[in-house]
Protein backbone atom coordinates (compact mmCIF):
# COMPACT_ATOMS: atom_id res chain seq x y z
CA MET A 1 12.86 7.20 19.11
CA GLU A 2 14.60 9.01 22.19
CA VAL A 3 12.53 9.08 25.48
CA ILE A 4 14.41 10.20 28.66
CA ALA A 5 12.57 10.50 31.93
CA THR A 6 14.17 10.99 35.40
CA THR A 7 12.23 10.93 38.43
CA LYS A 8 12.39 11.59 42.05
CA GLN A 9 11.04 8.59 44.29
CA SER A 10 9.65 11.03 47.00
CA ARG A 11 5.86 10.85 46.79
CA LYS A 12 3.97 8.42 44.85
CA HIS A 13 1.16 9.61 42.63
CA SER A 14 2.39 13.28 43.11
CA PRO A 15 2.46 15.51 39.95
CA PHE A 16 5.82 16.79 41.57
CA CYS A 17 7.55 13.42 41.38
CA LEU A 18 8.51 14.04 37.56
CA THR A 19 10.54 17.21 38.41
CA ASN A 20 13.42 16.21 36.31
CA ILE A 21 11.90 15.34 32.93
CA SER A 22 14.30 15.72 30.17
CA VAL A 23 12.11 14.51 27.29
CA LEU A 24 8.74 12.89 27.33
CA THR A 25 7.18 14.29 24.21
CA HIS A 26 8.25 15.81 20.77
CA PHE A 27 6.55 18.04 18.42
CA THR A 28 4.15 16.18 16.14
CA ARG A 29 5.79 17.94 13.26
CA ASN A 30 8.82 15.78 13.69
CA GLY A 31 6.60 12.64 13.44
CA VAL A 32 7.51 11.28 16.81
CA PRO A 33 4.53 9.69 18.86
CA GLN A 34 3.27 11.71 21.89
CA LEU A 35 3.26 10.44 25.37
CA LEU A 36 1.21 13.17 27.10
CA LEU A 37 1.05 13.77 30.83
CA PRO A 38 -1.52 16.75 31.16
CA MET A 39 -1.66 18.46 34.52
CA TRP A 40 -3.62 21.62 33.73
CA ALA A 41 -5.79 23.57 31.41
CA ASP A 42 -5.64 22.90 27.76
CA CYS A 43 -3.15 20.14 28.08
CA PHE A 44 -6.06 17.71 28.62
CA ASP A 45 -7.55 18.70 25.31
CA PHE A 46 -4.04 18.14 23.71
CA ALA A 47 -3.87 14.59 25.13
CA MET A 48 -7.56 13.70 24.07
CA ARG A 49 -6.83 14.91 20.54
CA ALA A 50 -3.53 12.89 20.41
CA GLU A 51 -5.55 9.82 21.23
CA TYR A 52 -8.34 10.67 18.86
CA ARG A 53 -5.82 11.17 15.94
CA LYS A 54 -4.01 8.01 17.19
CA ILE A 55 -0.69 9.73 17.35
CA GLY A 56 -0.14 9.45 21.00
CA VAL A 57 -1.36 8.28 24.35
CA TYR A 58 -2.74 10.06 27.33
CA GLY A 59 -0.23 8.68 29.92
CA ASN A 60 -2.20 9.62 33.23
CA ARG A 61 -5.92 9.45 32.24
CA LYS A 62 -6.82 7.57 35.31
CA ALA A 63 -4.45 9.54 37.71
CA HIS A 64 -4.53 12.91 36.40
CA PRO A 65 -3.20 15.62 37.29
CA TRP A 66 -0.86 13.24 39.12
CA ILE A 67 1.07 10.23 37.90
CA ASP A 68 0.78 6.49 38.61
CA GLY A 69 3.78 4.27 37.74
CA ASP A 70 1.80 1.47 36.52
CA GLU A 71 -0.27 3.61 34.19
CA LEU A 72 2.93 5.33 32.91
CA ALA A 73 4.46 2.25 32.30
CA THR A 74 1.59 0.95 30.41
CA ALA A 75 1.49 4.22 28.33
CA PHE A 76 4.96 3.64 27.55
CA LYS A 77 4.40 0.16 26.16
CA ARG A 78 1.34 1.46 24.14
CA VAL A 79 3.60 3.91 22.19
CA LEU A 80 7.03 2.01 22.14
CA GLY A 81 5.91 -1.55 22.14
CA ASP A 82 5.90 -4.10 19.31
CA GLY A 83 2.05 -4.40 19.42
CA GLU A 84 -0.49 -3.43 16.50
CA GLU A 85 -1.44 -0.39 18.47
CA ALA A 86 2.07 0.92 18.95
CA LYS A 87 3.01 0.38 15.26
CA MET A 88 -0.25 2.19 14.33
CA ILE A 89 0.47 5.08 16.59
CA ARG A 90 4.05 5.45 15.27
CA GLU A 91 2.86 5.14 11.62
CA ASN A 92 0.24 7.67 12.08
CA ALA A 93 2.64 10.13 13.77
CA ARG A 94 5.14 9.79 11.05
CA LYS A 95 2.44 10.38 8.27
CA LEU A 96 1.19 13.47 10.09
CA GLY A 97 4.75 14.75 10.56
CA GLU A 98 5.36 14.45 6.99
CA GLU A 99 2.17 16.26 6.26
CA LYS A 100 2.99 19.02 8.72
CA ARG A 101 6.38 19.69 7.15
CA LYS A 102 5.01 20.19 3.75
CA LYS A 103 3.08 23.16 5.02
CA PRO A 104 5.07 24.99 7.70
CA GLY A 105 2.50 26.48 10.24
CA ARG A 106 4.23 29.85 10.36
CA GLU A 107 4.23 30.40 6.68
CA CYS A 108 0.65 29.19 6.43
CA ALA A 109 -0.20 31.68 9.24
CA ALA A 110 1.64 34.54 7.68
CA ARG A 111 -0.25 34.08 4.37
CA GLU A 112 -3.58 34.04 6.01
CA ILE A 113 -2.64 37.25 8.10
CA ALA A 114 -1.40 38.88 4.98
CA ARG A 115 -4.64 37.87 3.13
CA LEU A 116 -7.04 39.04 5.97
CA ALA A 117 -4.92 42.43 6.15
CA THR A 118 -5.76 43.30 2.55
CA TYR A 119 -9.64 43.70 3.38
């Protein structure tokens, strides 16, 4: 699993500290667990859903919309560690990825639009 994050050390607890993020999350379709750092709007809902589905971790729940280094480190451990929770998250993400690849979303959407257009 590739996770790359570069940060600027200018301001602690600032949403602007992670200005050079290369990769923090991947699409669920790929079966990769999520580490979410929501900062606005519907992103908070995505983070809650990932935790509910047990496919990822809400990485800045206490500090949102900012980022706390200790909280972020704990989130990384929850996803990448050797514990039971990390193993479960990775397995759930893998299973969901397999399920999603069986039914590509754009194809399902196109079929549904075509079906509705026939009425």
